[in-house]
Amino acid sequence: MSAPRKDPVDAIVDQWAAVRPDLDTKAMEVFGRIFRLSRAMGDRMERAYAPHGLARGEFDVLATLRRSGEPYTLSPRQLSGTLMLTTGGMTGRLDKLERAGLIRRSPDPHDRRGLQVTLTEKGLTTVDEAVGAGLAAETTALSTLNAEQADQLADLLRELLAGTEGTGS
């Protein structure tokens, strides 16, 4: 098997090794690549959603409603909790999506003070098209790995995520 290609993270690690050979930089290698991959894929996802008139944040709202199943309705509080957004941040997204005709806000029949957010037909069509475009971009990026490698990476990342969530570190 050939040696792995060098990447910008290798250059950073090599620089640290030259000036601080006492450091164990394995975590820097892993998380530096995760960070760079996240940025690169975030940019790709923005490009995939743009033809559908969506930014990632707006897609996230529509996708959360879509995944909730029929009638594709959640409260703003449920959306905020799922997307880890402040209510102010959520209101801005909902305003934009409502102006675009992708969602509808209506009174909650079970809570006089509450609202419900529901996907419109246009919103349902839009999110279904956008999720396909996003998955195509992700699949293209993942195609550099074979199926076994992709499965192994998914398993390793699941373990890493489970070990870091909620630790506060």
C-alpha atoms as a PDB file:
ATOM      1  CA  MET A   1       0.000   0.000   0.000  1.00  0.00           C
ATOM      2  CA  SER A   2       1.312   3.445  -0.897  1.00  0.00           C
ATOM      3  CA  ALA A   3       2.002   6.146   1.645  1.00  0.00           C
ATOM      4  CA  PRO A   4      -0.934   8.492   2.293  1.00  0.00           C
ATOM      5  CA  ARG A   5      -0.904  11.829   0.502  1.00  0.00           C
ATOM      6  CA  LYS A   6       0.311  14.800   2.511  1.00  0.00           C
ATOM      7  CA  ASP A   7      -2.255  17.453   3.307  1.00  0.00           C
ATOM      8  CA  PRO A   8      -2.194  20.896   5.006  1.00  0.00           C
ATOM      9  CA  VAL A   9      -2.701  19.291   8.415  1.00  0.00           C
ATOM     10  CA  ASP A  10       0.482  17.269   7.904  1.00  0.00           C
ATOM     11  CA  ALA A  11       2.354  20.511   7.246  1.00  0.00           C
ATOM     12  CA  ILE A  12       1.058  22.010  10.503  1.00  0.00           C
ATOM     13  CA  VAL A  13       1.938  18.885  12.472  1.00  0.00           C
ATOM     14  CA  ASP A  14       5.412  18.840  10.897  1.00  0.00           C
ATOM     15  CA  GLN A  15       5.935  22.466  11.930  1.00  0.00           C
ATOM     16  CA  TRP A  16       4.955  21.681  15.513  1.00  0.00           C
ATOM     17  CA  ALA A  17       7.232  18.655  15.524  1.00  0.00           C
ATOM     18  CA  ALA A  18      10.142  20.883  14.469  1.00  0.00           C
ATOM     19  CA  VAL A  19       9.612  23.394  17.265  1.00  0.00           C
ATOM     20  CA  ARG A  20       7.983  21.203  19.939  1.00  0.00           C
ATOM     21  CA  PRO A  21       8.990  17.568  19.381  1.00  0.00           C
ATOM     22  CA  ASP A  22       7.656  16.757  22.860  1.00  0.00           C
ATOM     23  CA  LEU A  23       4.012  17.264  21.773  1.00  0.00           C
ATOM     24  CA  ASP A  24       1.740  14.361  20.874  1.00  0.00           C
ATOM     25  CA  THR A  25      -0.153  15.855  17.921  1.00  0.00           C
ATOM     26  CA  LYS A  26      -2.440  12.904  17.099  1.00  0.00           C
ATOM     27  CA  ALA A  27      -5.529  14.810  18.325  1.00  0.00           C
ATOM     28  CA  MET A  28      -4.492  17.799  16.215  1.00  0.00           C
ATOM     29  CA  GLU A  29      -4.244  15.532  13.168  1.00  0.00           C
ATOM     30  CA  VAL A  30      -7.726  14.098  13.709  1.00  0.00           C
ATOM     31  CA  PHE A  31      -9.598  17.243  14.717  1.00  0.00           C
ATOM     32  CA  GLY A  32      -7.751  19.471  12.271  1.00  0.00           C
ATOM     33  CA  ARG A  33      -8.961  17.245   9.470  1.00  0.00           C
ATOM     34  CA  ILE A  34     -12.493  17.061  10.885  1.00  0.00           C
ATOM     35  CA  PHE A  35     -12.596  20.861  11.103  1.00  0.00           C
ATOM     36  CA  ARG A  36     -11.302  21.321   7.541  1.00  0.00           C
ATOM     37  CA  LEU A  37     -13.661  18.648   6.238  1.00  0.00           C
ATOM     38  CA  SER A  38     -16.590  20.289   8.004  1.00  0.00           C
ATOM     39  CA  ARG A  39     -15.762  23.665   6.461  1.00  0.00           C
ATOM     40  CA  ALA A  40     -15.306  22.217   2.987  1.00  0.00           C
ATOM     41  CA  MET A  41     -18.516  20.199   3.161  1.00  0.00           C
ATOM     42  CA  GLY A  42     -20.407  23.146   4.617  1.00  0.00           C
ATOM     43  CA  ASP A  43     -19.419  25.151   1.548  1.00  0.00           C
ATOM     44  CA  ARG A  44     -20.469  22.303  -0.758  1.00  0.00           C
ATOM     45  CA  MET A  45     -23.811  22.005   0.992  1.00  0.00           C
ATOM     46  CA  GLU A  46     -24.430  25.759   0.635  1.00  0.00           C
ATOM     47  CA  ARG A  47     -23.797  25.402  -3.112  1.00  0.00           C
ATOM     48  CA  ALA A  48     -26.118  22.377  -3.293  1.00  0.00           C
ATOM     49  CA  TYR A  49     -28.968  24.193  -1.501  1.00  0.00           C
ATOM     50  CA  ALA A  50     -28.565  27.561  -3.258  1.00  0.00           C
ATOM     51  CA  PRO A  51     -30.408  26.580  -6.472  1.00  0.00           C
ATOM     52  CA  HIS A  52     -33.392  25.782  -4.247  1.00  0.00           C
ATOM     53  CA  GLY A  53     -33.291  29.250  -2.685  1.00  0.00           C
ATOM     54  CA  LEU A  54     -32.005  27.942   0.636  1.00  0.00           C
ATOM     55  CA  ALA A  55     -29.065  28.508   2.927  1.00  0.00           C
ATOM     56  CA  ARG A  56     -28.030  25.699   5.290  1.00  0.00           C
ATOM     57  CA  GLY A  57     -29.891  27.160   8.254  1.00  0.00           C
ATOM     58  CA  GLU A  58     -33.124  27.401   6.315  1.00  0.00           C
ATOM     59  CA  PHE A  59     -32.646  23.900   4.946  1.00  0.00           C
ATOM     60  CA  ASP A  60     -32.189  22.645   8.515  1.00  0.00           C
ATOM     61  CA  VAL A  61     -35.576  24.064   9.540  1.00  0.00           C
ATOM     62  CA  LEU A  62     -37.361  22.573   6.534  1.00  0.00           C
ATOM     63  CA  ALA A  63     -35.589  19.222   6.946  1.00  0.00           C
ATOM     64  CA  THR A  64     -36.528  19.058  10.630  1.00  0.00           C
ATOM     65  CA  LEU A  65     -40.169  19.634   9.750  1.00  0.00           C
ATOM     66  CA  ARG A  66     -39.978  17.057   6.938  1.00  0.00           C
ATOM     67  CA  ARG A  67     -38.391  14.417   9.186  1.00  0.00           C
ATOM     68  CA  SER A  68     -41.104  14.934  11.793  1.00  0.00           C
ATOM     69  CA  GLY A  69     -43.562  13.182   9.454  1.00  0.00           C
ATOM     70  CA  GLU A  70     -47.044  14.202   8.498  1.00  0.00           C
ATOM     71  CA  PRO A  71     -48.512  16.717   9.126  1.00  0.00           C
ATOM     72  CA  TYR A  72     -44.954  18.223   9.096  1.00  0.00           C
ATOM     73  CA  THR A  73     -45.786  20.480  12.036  1.00  0.00           C
ATOM     74  CA  LEU A  74     -43.708  21.463  15.073  1.00  0.00           C
ATOM     75  CA  SER A  75     -43.719  24.347  17.499  1.00  0.00           C
ATOM     76  CA  PRO A  76     -41.019  27.019  17.238  1.00  0.00           C
ATOM     77  CA  ARG A  77     -39.762  25.764  20.619  1.00  0.00           C
ATOM     78  CA  GLN A  78     -39.398  22.209  19.290  1.00  0.00           C
ATOM     79  CA  LEU A  79     -37.555  23.514  16.240  1.00  0.00           C
ATOM     80  CA  SER A  80     -35.263  25.689  18.374  1.00  0.00           C
ATOM     81  CA  GLY A  81     -34.441  22.759  20.656  1.00  0.00           C
ATOM     82  CA  THR A  82     -33.698  20.387  17.794  1.00  0.00           C
ATOM     83  CA  LEU A  83     -31.553  22.908  15.925  1.00  0.00           C
ATOM     84  CA  MET A  84     -29.913  24.356  19.061  1.00  0.00           C
ATOM     85  CA  LEU A  85     -30.948  27.900  18.147  1.00  0.00           C
ATOM     86  CA  THR A  86     -32.100  30.797  20.236  1.00  0.00           C
ATOM     87  CA  THR A  87     -35.717  31.813  19.803  1.00  0.00           C
ATOM     88  CA  GLY A  88     -34.510  35.027  18.141  1.00  0.00           C
ATOM     89  CA  GLY A  89     -32.438  33.098  15.632  1.00  0.00           C
ATOM     90  CA  MET A  90     -35.351  30.789  14.938  1.00  0.00           C
ATOM     91  CA  THR A  91     -37.753  33.704  14.427  1.00  0.00           C
ATOM     92  CA  GLY A  92     -35.512  35.180  11.735  1.00  0.00           C
ATOM     93  CA  ARG A  93     -35.355  31.890   9.853  1.00  0.00           C
ATOM     94  CA  LEU A  94     -39.087  31.340  10.154  1.00  0.00           C
ATOM     95  CA  ASP A  95     -39.807  34.865   8.909  1.00  0.00           C
ATOM     96  CA  LYS A  96     -37.725  34.283   5.802  1.00  0.00           C
ATOM     97  CA  LEU A  97     -39.197  30.838   5.124  1.00  0.00           C
ATOM     98  CA  GLU A  98     -42.736  32.148   5.590  1.00  0.00           C
ATOM     99  CA  ARG A  99     -42.137  35.049   3.181  1.00  0.00           C
ATOM    100  CA  ALA A 100     -40.905  32.494   0.633  1.00  0.00           C
ATOM    101  CA  GLY A 101     -44.090  30.453   1.077  1.00  0.00           C
ATOM    102  CA  LEU A 102     -42.209  27.409   2.382  1.00  0.00           C
ATOM    103  CA  ILE A 103     -43.813  27.296   5.841  1.00  0.00           C
ATOM    104  CA  ARG A 104     -46.999  28.500   7.461  1.00  0.00           C
ATOM    105  CA  ARG A 105     -47.335  29.685  11.058  1.00  0.00           C
ATOM    106  CA  SER A 106     -50.676  29.203  12.749  1.00  0.00           C
ATOM    107  CA  PRO A 107     -52.082  29.261  16.282  1.00  0.00           C
ATOM    108  CA  ASP A 108     -51.572  26.075  18.287  1.00  0.00           C
ATOM    109  CA  PRO A 109     -55.039  24.614  18.931  1.00  0.00           C
ATOM    110  CA  HIS A 110     -53.772  23.084  22.198  1.00  0.00           C
ATOM    111  CA  ASP A 111     -52.086  26.235  23.567  1.00  0.00           C
ATOM    112  CA  ARG A 112     -53.629  29.688  23.092  1.00  0.00           C
ATOM    113  CA  ARG A 113     -50.218  31.325  23.475  1.00  0.00           C
ATOM    114  CA  GLY A 114     -48.386  28.941  21.159  1.00  0.00           C
ATOM    115  CA  LEU A 115     -47.748  28.678  17.462  1.00  0.00           C
ATOM    116  CA  GLN A 116     -47.305  25.804  15.083  1.00  0.00           C
ATOM    117  CA  VAL A 117     -44.991  25.797  12.087  1.00  0.00           C
ATOM    118  CA  THR A 118     -46.056  23.640   9.149  1.00  0.00           C
ATOM    119  CA  LEU A 119     -44.416  22.882   5.813  1.00  0.00           C
ATOM    120  CA  THR A 120     -46.432  24.108   2.849  1.00  0.00           C
ATOM    121  CA  GLU A 121     -46.677  22.032  -0.341  1.00  0.00           C
ATOM    122  CA  LYS A 122     -44.032  24.315  -1.829  1.00  0.00           C
ATOM    123  CA  GLY A 123     -41.856  23.759   1.245  1.00  0.00           C
ATOM    124  CA  LEU A 124     -42.273  19.996   1.006  1.00  0.00           C
ATOM    125  CA  THR A 125     -41.276  19.980  -2.664  1.00  0.00           C
ATOM    126  CA  THR A 126     -38.354  22.320  -2.008  1.00  0.00           C
ATOM    127  CA  VAL A 127     -36.909  20.346   0.905  1.00  0.00           C
ATOM    128  CA  ASP A 128     -37.290  17.050  -0.942  1.00  0.00           C
ATOM    129  CA  GLU A 129     -35.357  18.449  -3.915  1.00  0.00           C
ATOM    130  CA  ALA A 130     -32.740  20.097  -1.679  1.00  0.00           C
ATOM    131  CA  VAL A 131     -32.110  16.976   0.401  1.00  0.00           C
ATOM    132  CA  GLY A 132     -31.481  15.059  -2.811  1.00  0.00           C
ATOM    133  CA  ALA A 133     -29.001  17.695  -3.966  1.00  0.00           C
ATOM    134  CA  GLY A 134     -27.257  17.701  -0.587  1.00  0.00           C
ATOM    135  CA  LEU A 135     -26.984  13.931  -0.466  1.00  0.00           C
ATOM    136  CA  ALA A 136     -25.567  13.926  -3.991  1.00  0.00           C
ATOM    137  CA  ALA A 137     -22.843  16.381  -2.892  1.00  0.00           C
ATOM    138  CA  GLU A 138     -22.059  14.267   0.184  1.00  0.00           C
ATOM    139  CA  THR A 139     -22.054  11.036  -1.820  1.00  0.00           C
ATOM    140  CA  THR A 140     -19.650  12.535  -4.331  1.00  0.00           C
ATOM    141  CA  ALA A 141     -17.280  13.566  -1.544  1.00  0.00           C
ATOM    142  CA  LEU A 142     -17.555  10.170   0.133  1.00  0.00           C
ATOM    143  CA  SER A 143     -16.828   8.357  -3.141  1.00  0.00           C
ATOM    144  CA  THR A 144     -13.104   8.736  -2.437  1.00  0.00           C
ATOM    145  CA  LEU A 145     -13.610   5.852   0.025  1.00  0.00           C
ATOM    146  CA  ASN A 146     -14.842   2.358  -0.735  1.00  0.00           C
ATOM    147  CA  ALA A 147     -17.987   1.064   1.012  1.00  0.00           C
ATOM    148  CA  GLU A 148     -16.027  -0.714   3.759  1.00  0.00           C
ATOM    149  CA  GLN A 149     -13.940   2.391   4.489  1.00  0.00           C
ATOM    150  CA  ALA A 150     -17.063   4.579   4.562  1.00  0.00           C
ATOM    151  CA  ASP A 151     -18.733   2.191   7.032  1.00  0.00           C
ATOM    152  CA  GLN A 152     -15.604   2.101   9.184  1.00  0.00           C
ATOM    153  CA  LEU A 153     -15.327   5.885   9.168  1.00  0.00           C
ATOM    154  CA  ALA A 154     -19.003   6.259  10.126  1.00  0.00           C
ATOM    155  CA  ASP A 155     -18.495   3.822  13.019  1.00  0.00           C
ATOM    156  CA  LEU A 156     -15.334   5.547  14.229  1.00  0.00           C
ATOM    157  CA  LEU A 157     -16.927   9.003  14.065  1.00  0.00           C
ATOM    158  CA  ARG A 158     -19.992   7.706  15.945  1.00  0.00           C
ATOM    159  CA  GLU A 159     -17.695   6.442  18.721  1.00  0.00           C
ATOM    160  CA  LEU A 160     -15.738   9.693  18.806  1.00  0.00           C
ATOM    161  CA  LEU A 161     -18.900  11.765  18.919  1.00  0.00           C
ATOM    162  CA  ALA A 162     -20.402   9.638  21.685  1.00  0.00           C
ATOM    163  CA  GLY A 163     -17.208  10.026  23.678  1.00  0.00           C
ATOM    164  CA  THR A 164     -17.134  13.813  23.359  1.00  0.00           C
ATOM    165  CA  GLU A 165     -20.793  14.854  23.621  1.00  0.00           C
ATOM    166  CA  GLY A 166     -21.816  16.043  27.024  1.00  0.00           C
ATOM    167  CA  THR A 167     -18.308  15.973  28.466  1.00  0.00           C
ATOM    168  CA  GLY A 168     -18.089  19.763  28.633  1.00  0.00           C
ATOM    169  CA  SER A 169     -14.463  19.570  27.571  1.00  0.00           C
END
